[in-house]
Protein backbone atom coordinates (compact mmCIF):
# COMPACT_ATOMS: atom_id res chain seq x y z
CA MET A 1 151.09 126.79 107.30
CA VAL A 2 151.02 130.56 107.77
CA ALA A 3 149.41 132.10 110.89
CA ARG A 4 146.82 134.70 109.83
CA PRO A 5 145.33 136.95 112.65
CA VAL A 6 141.62 137.47 112.31
CA PRO A 7 140.48 140.99 113.07
CA PRO A 8 137.63 141.03 115.76
CA ALA A 9 135.24 142.70 113.27
CA THR A 10 135.48 139.74 110.88
CA ASP A 11 135.74 136.89 113.33
CA PRO A 12 133.16 134.28 112.31
CA ILE A 13 133.29 132.64 115.70
CA GLU A 14 131.99 135.71 117.50
CA PRO A 15 130.08 134.64 120.67
CA ALA A 16 126.31 135.19 120.47
CA ALA A 17 124.26 136.76 123.20
CA SER A 18 123.36 134.22 125.98
CA THR A 19 119.82 133.03 126.22
CA PRO A 20 118.84 132.45 129.93
CA ILE A 21 117.09 129.28 130.85
CA THR A 22 115.73 127.83 134.14
CA ILE A 23 115.64 124.19 135.27
CA LEU A 24 114.24 122.53 138.34
CA VAL A 25 116.82 120.53 140.28
CA ASN A 26 115.22 118.43 143.05
CA GLY A 27 112.51 120.97 143.40
CA GLU A 28 114.71 124.10 143.29
CA ARG A 29 115.00 126.55 140.42
CA ARG A 30 118.55 126.81 138.92
CA ALA A 31 119.42 129.53 136.39
CA GLY A 32 121.64 128.73 133.40
CA VAL A 33 122.14 129.63 129.75
CA LEU A 34 121.22 127.80 126.59
CA GLY A 35 123.92 125.34 125.74
CA GLN A 36 125.04 124.81 129.22
CA THR A 37 125.07 121.14 130.43
CA VAL A 38 122.89 120.03 133.35
CA ALA A 39 126.09 119.41 135.34
CA GLY A 40 127.39 122.92 134.45
CA ILE A 41 124.21 124.46 135.88
CA MET A 42 124.36 122.35 139.02
CA LEU A 43 128.09 123.13 139.58
CA ALA A 44 127.58 126.77 139.14
CA ALA A 45 124.89 126.53 141.86
CA ASP A 46 127.46 124.91 144.15
CA THR A 47 125.82 121.51 143.98
CA LEU A 48 128.83 119.27 143.85
CA THR A 49 127.39 115.83 144.63
CA TRP A 50 123.98 114.36 143.59
CA ARG A 51 124.25 110.58 144.03
CA THR A 52 126.24 108.01 145.96
CA SER A 53 128.15 105.12 144.63
CA PRO A 54 126.34 101.77 144.79
CA VAL A 55 129.31 100.11 146.78
CA GLY A 56 130.22 102.04 149.90
CA GLY A 57 127.78 104.94 149.45
CA ARG A 58 130.51 107.49 148.43
CA PRO A 59 129.39 110.86 147.14
CA ARG A 60 129.34 111.24 143.34
CA GLY A 61 128.92 114.13 140.97
CA ALA A 62 130.77 115.41 137.95
CA PHE A 63 134.13 113.62 137.94
CA CYS A 64 135.46 113.10 134.37
CA GLY A 65 133.21 115.72 132.74
CA ILE A 66 133.23 113.87 129.36
CA GLY A 67 130.75 111.06 129.96
CA VAL A 68 133.24 108.21 130.55
CA CYS A 69 132.87 107.59 134.30
CA PHE A 70 129.00 107.64 134.67
CA ASP A 71 129.42 109.28 138.17
CA CYS A 72 127.16 112.21 137.22
CA LEU A 73 123.86 110.16 136.56
CA VAL A 74 120.65 111.98 137.15
CA VAL A 75 116.91 111.65 136.11
CA VAL A 76 115.91 114.23 133.57
CA ASN A 77 112.23 114.70 132.67
CA GLY A 78 111.58 111.10 134.07
CA GLN A 79 114.36 109.56 132.04
CA ARG A 80 116.77 107.68 134.40
CA ASP A 81 120.55 107.19 133.99
CA VAL A 82 121.22 110.54 132.04
CA ARG A 83 124.80 111.65 132.16
CA ALA A 84 124.54 115.38 133.50
CA CYS A 85 127.88 116.32 131.96
CA GLN A 86 126.63 115.31 128.54
CA ARG A 87 123.12 116.48 128.50
CA ARG A 88 122.52 119.98 127.30
CA ALA A 89 119.97 121.60 129.50
CA ARG A 90 116.70 122.91 128.13
CA ASP A 91 114.38 125.49 129.62
CA GLY A 92 111.96 123.85 131.89
CA ASP A 93 113.88 120.60 132.34
CA VAL A 94 113.08 118.75 135.62
CA VAL A 95 116.20 117.12 137.14
CA GLU A 96 115.99 114.78 140.03
CA PHE A 97 118.81 112.91 141.78
CA GLU A 98 118.97 109.10 141.48
CA GLY A 99 118.72 107.53 144.86
CA PRO A 100 119.07 109.43 148.17
CA SER A 101 119.48 113.25 147.84
CA GLN A 102 122.84 114.59 148.57
CA SER A 103 123.72 117.81 150.38
CA GLU A 104 125.15 120.76 148.57
CA GLY A 105 128.59 122.08 148.84
CA GLU A 106 130.32 118.83 149.69
């Protein structure tokens, strides 16, 4: 295989302009861009934990980031047990934490 550089003017994978969106997370507005995950928006807003483990009450949030660990579960538009790291946010989504609310920045 031969490497072939692609000139920027003809690159088919050119990023498109960002489309801003707003979601509501536990009653607070959070800004993001279309295509970003719910977890990505929350992490960008310094919300690092949003639930606790069922055994021991340990703080949980985005851990693996690929949907394997289930530590990032939230309620989105009334649907429980949504993996925040897998769910692409849509403008107007309402996200709530499962169980007791967690403090930000932990």
